[in-house]
């Protein structure tokens, strides 16, 4: 599947929308702040970005990993 090319801000909004509507996050009564994605050298799968969720209390790590992994398969940052 070819990845859609988006800006870092568009990707940040998409991750935020998907992450903060997951029931596991809603159950915590918190909003997980999503940092701006950073461009990287493409990995073995072709993804050219990463997001660093730093600090304690960022949110349910398994949900964050799942959502980010899904987004890495769908989107790349445009040049």
C-alpha atoms as a PDB file:
ATOM      1  CA  UNK A   1       0.000   0.000   0.000  1.00  0.00           C
ATOM      2  CA  UNK A   2       1.376   3.388  -0.951  1.00  0.00           C
ATOM      3  CA  UNK A   3       1.592   5.901   1.879  1.00  0.00           C
ATOM      4  CA  UNK A   4      -0.209   9.220   1.710  1.00  0.00           C
ATOM      5  CA  UNK A   5       2.181  12.200   1.874  1.00  0.00           C
ATOM      6  CA  UNK A   6       1.288  14.766   4.531  1.00  0.00           C
ATOM      7  CA  UNK A   7       2.868  17.620   6.468  1.00  0.00           C
ATOM      8  CA  UNK A   8       4.050  17.081  10.061  1.00  0.00           C
ATOM      9  CA  UNK A   9       1.112  19.183  11.287  1.00  0.00           C
ATOM     10  CA  UNK A  10      -1.427  17.134   9.322  1.00  0.00           C
ATOM     11  CA  UNK A  11       0.055  13.914  10.655  1.00  0.00           C
ATOM     12  CA  UNK A  12       0.058  15.260  14.207  1.00  0.00           C
ATOM     13  CA  UNK A  13      -3.660  16.088  13.918  1.00  0.00           C
ATOM     14  CA  UNK A  14      -4.454  12.657  12.461  1.00  0.00           C
ATOM     15  CA  UNK A  15      -2.583  10.818  15.230  1.00  0.00           C
ATOM     16  CA  UNK A  16      -4.236  13.020  17.858  1.00  0.00           C
ATOM     17  CA  UNK A  17      -7.704  12.344  16.462  1.00  0.00           C
ATOM     18  CA  UNK A  18      -7.197   8.580  16.365  1.00  0.00           C
ATOM     19  CA  UNK A  19      -5.363   8.285  19.675  1.00  0.00           C
ATOM     20  CA  UNK A  20      -7.575  10.479  21.822  1.00  0.00           C
ATOM     21  CA  UNK A  21     -10.787   8.781  20.676  1.00  0.00           C
ATOM     22  CA  UNK A  22      -9.665   5.260  21.628  1.00  0.00           C
ATOM     23  CA  UNK A  23     -11.724   3.877  24.506  1.00  0.00           C
ATOM     24  CA  UNK A  24      -8.576   2.958  26.454  1.00  0.00           C
ATOM     25  CA  UNK A  25      -7.538   6.629  26.429  1.00  0.00           C
ATOM     26  CA  UNK A  26     -11.049   7.934  27.098  1.00  0.00           C
ATOM     27  CA  UNK A  27     -11.227   5.658  30.143  1.00  0.00           C
ATOM     28  CA  UNK A  28      -8.256   7.519  31.685  1.00  0.00           C
ATOM     29  CA  UNK A  29     -10.082  10.870  31.546  1.00  0.00           C
ATOM     30  CA  UNK A  30      -6.924  12.376  30.067  1.00  0.00           C
ATOM     31  CA  UNK A  31      -5.867  13.757  26.723  1.00  0.00           C
ATOM     32  CA  UNK A  32      -2.599  12.401  25.364  1.00  0.00           C
ATOM     33  CA  UNK A  33      -0.548  15.288  23.932  1.00  0.00           C
ATOM     34  CA  UNK A  34       0.860  14.341  20.519  1.00  0.00           C
ATOM     35  CA  UNK A  35       4.251  15.844  19.662  1.00  0.00           C
ATOM     36  CA  UNK A  36       5.041  16.969  16.136  1.00  0.00           C
ATOM     37  CA  UNK A  37       6.335  14.028  14.056  1.00  0.00           C
ATOM     38  CA  UNK A  38      10.020  14.243  13.147  1.00  0.00           C
ATOM     39  CA  UNK A  39      11.465  13.251   9.786  1.00  0.00           C
ATOM     40  CA  UNK A  40      13.897  10.317   9.799  1.00  0.00           C
ATOM     41  CA  UNK A  41      15.775   8.251   7.260  1.00  0.00           C
ATOM     42  CA  UNK A  42      13.261   5.740   5.883  1.00  0.00           C
ATOM     43  CA  UNK A  43      13.255   2.480   7.846  1.00  0.00           C
ATOM     44  CA  UNK A  44      13.142  -1.020   6.347  1.00  0.00           C
ATOM     45  CA  UNK A  45       9.394  -0.649   5.802  1.00  0.00           C
ATOM     46  CA  UNK A  46       9.728   2.759   4.145  1.00  0.00           C
ATOM     47  CA  UNK A  47       8.394   4.960   6.962  1.00  0.00           C
ATOM     48  CA  UNK A  48      10.222   8.317   7.122  1.00  0.00           C
ATOM     49  CA  UNK A  49       9.069   9.697  10.475  1.00  0.00           C
ATOM     50  CA  UNK A  50       8.793   9.050  14.203  1.00  0.00           C
ATOM     51  CA  UNK A  51       7.041  10.596  17.186  1.00  0.00           C
ATOM     52  CA  UNK A  52       8.687  10.777  20.591  1.00  0.00           C
ATOM     53  CA  UNK A  53       6.194  10.608  23.438  1.00  0.00           C
ATOM     54  CA  UNK A  54       8.502  11.753  26.230  1.00  0.00           C
ATOM     55  CA  UNK A  55       7.822  11.863  29.918  1.00  0.00           C
ATOM     56  CA  UNK A  56       5.789   9.861  32.358  1.00  0.00           C
ATOM     57  CA  UNK A  57       2.057   9.930  32.062  1.00  0.00           C
ATOM     58  CA  UNK A  58       1.989  10.381  28.293  1.00  0.00           C
ATOM     59  CA  UNK A  59      -0.774   7.803  28.090  1.00  0.00           C
ATOM     60  CA  UNK A  60      -1.375   4.096  27.652  1.00  0.00           C
ATOM     61  CA  UNK A  61       1.829   2.962  25.921  1.00  0.00           C
ATOM     62  CA  UNK A  62       0.238  -0.011  24.170  1.00  0.00           C
ATOM     63  CA  UNK A  63      -2.443   2.188  22.608  1.00  0.00           C
ATOM     64  CA  UNK A  64       0.129   4.796  21.559  1.00  0.00           C
ATOM     65  CA  UNK A  65       2.290   2.097  19.951  1.00  0.00           C
ATOM     66  CA  UNK A  66      -0.681   0.611  18.115  1.00  0.00           C
ATOM     67  CA  UNK A  67      -1.909   3.941  16.748  1.00  0.00           C
ATOM     68  CA  UNK A  68       1.560   5.159  15.749  1.00  0.00           C
ATOM     69  CA  UNK A  69       2.316   1.810  14.082  1.00  0.00           C
ATOM     70  CA  UNK A  70      -0.913   2.009  12.099  1.00  0.00           C
ATOM     71  CA  UNK A  71      -0.154   5.570  11.023  1.00  0.00           C
ATOM     72  CA  UNK A  72       3.411   4.654  10.035  1.00  0.00           C
ATOM     73  CA  UNK A  73       1.969   2.164   7.586  1.00  0.00           C
ATOM     74  CA  UNK A  74      -0.369   4.758   6.055  1.00  0.00           C
ATOM     75  CA  UNK A  75       1.506   8.058   5.999  1.00  0.00           C
ATOM     76  CA  UNK A  76       4.883   9.550   5.149  1.00  0.00           C
ATOM     77  CA  UNK A  77       6.063  13.104   5.585  1.00  0.00           C
ATOM     78  CA  UNK A  78       6.332  14.961   2.328  1.00  0.00           C
ATOM     79  CA  UNK A  79       9.621  16.557   1.390  1.00  0.00           C
END
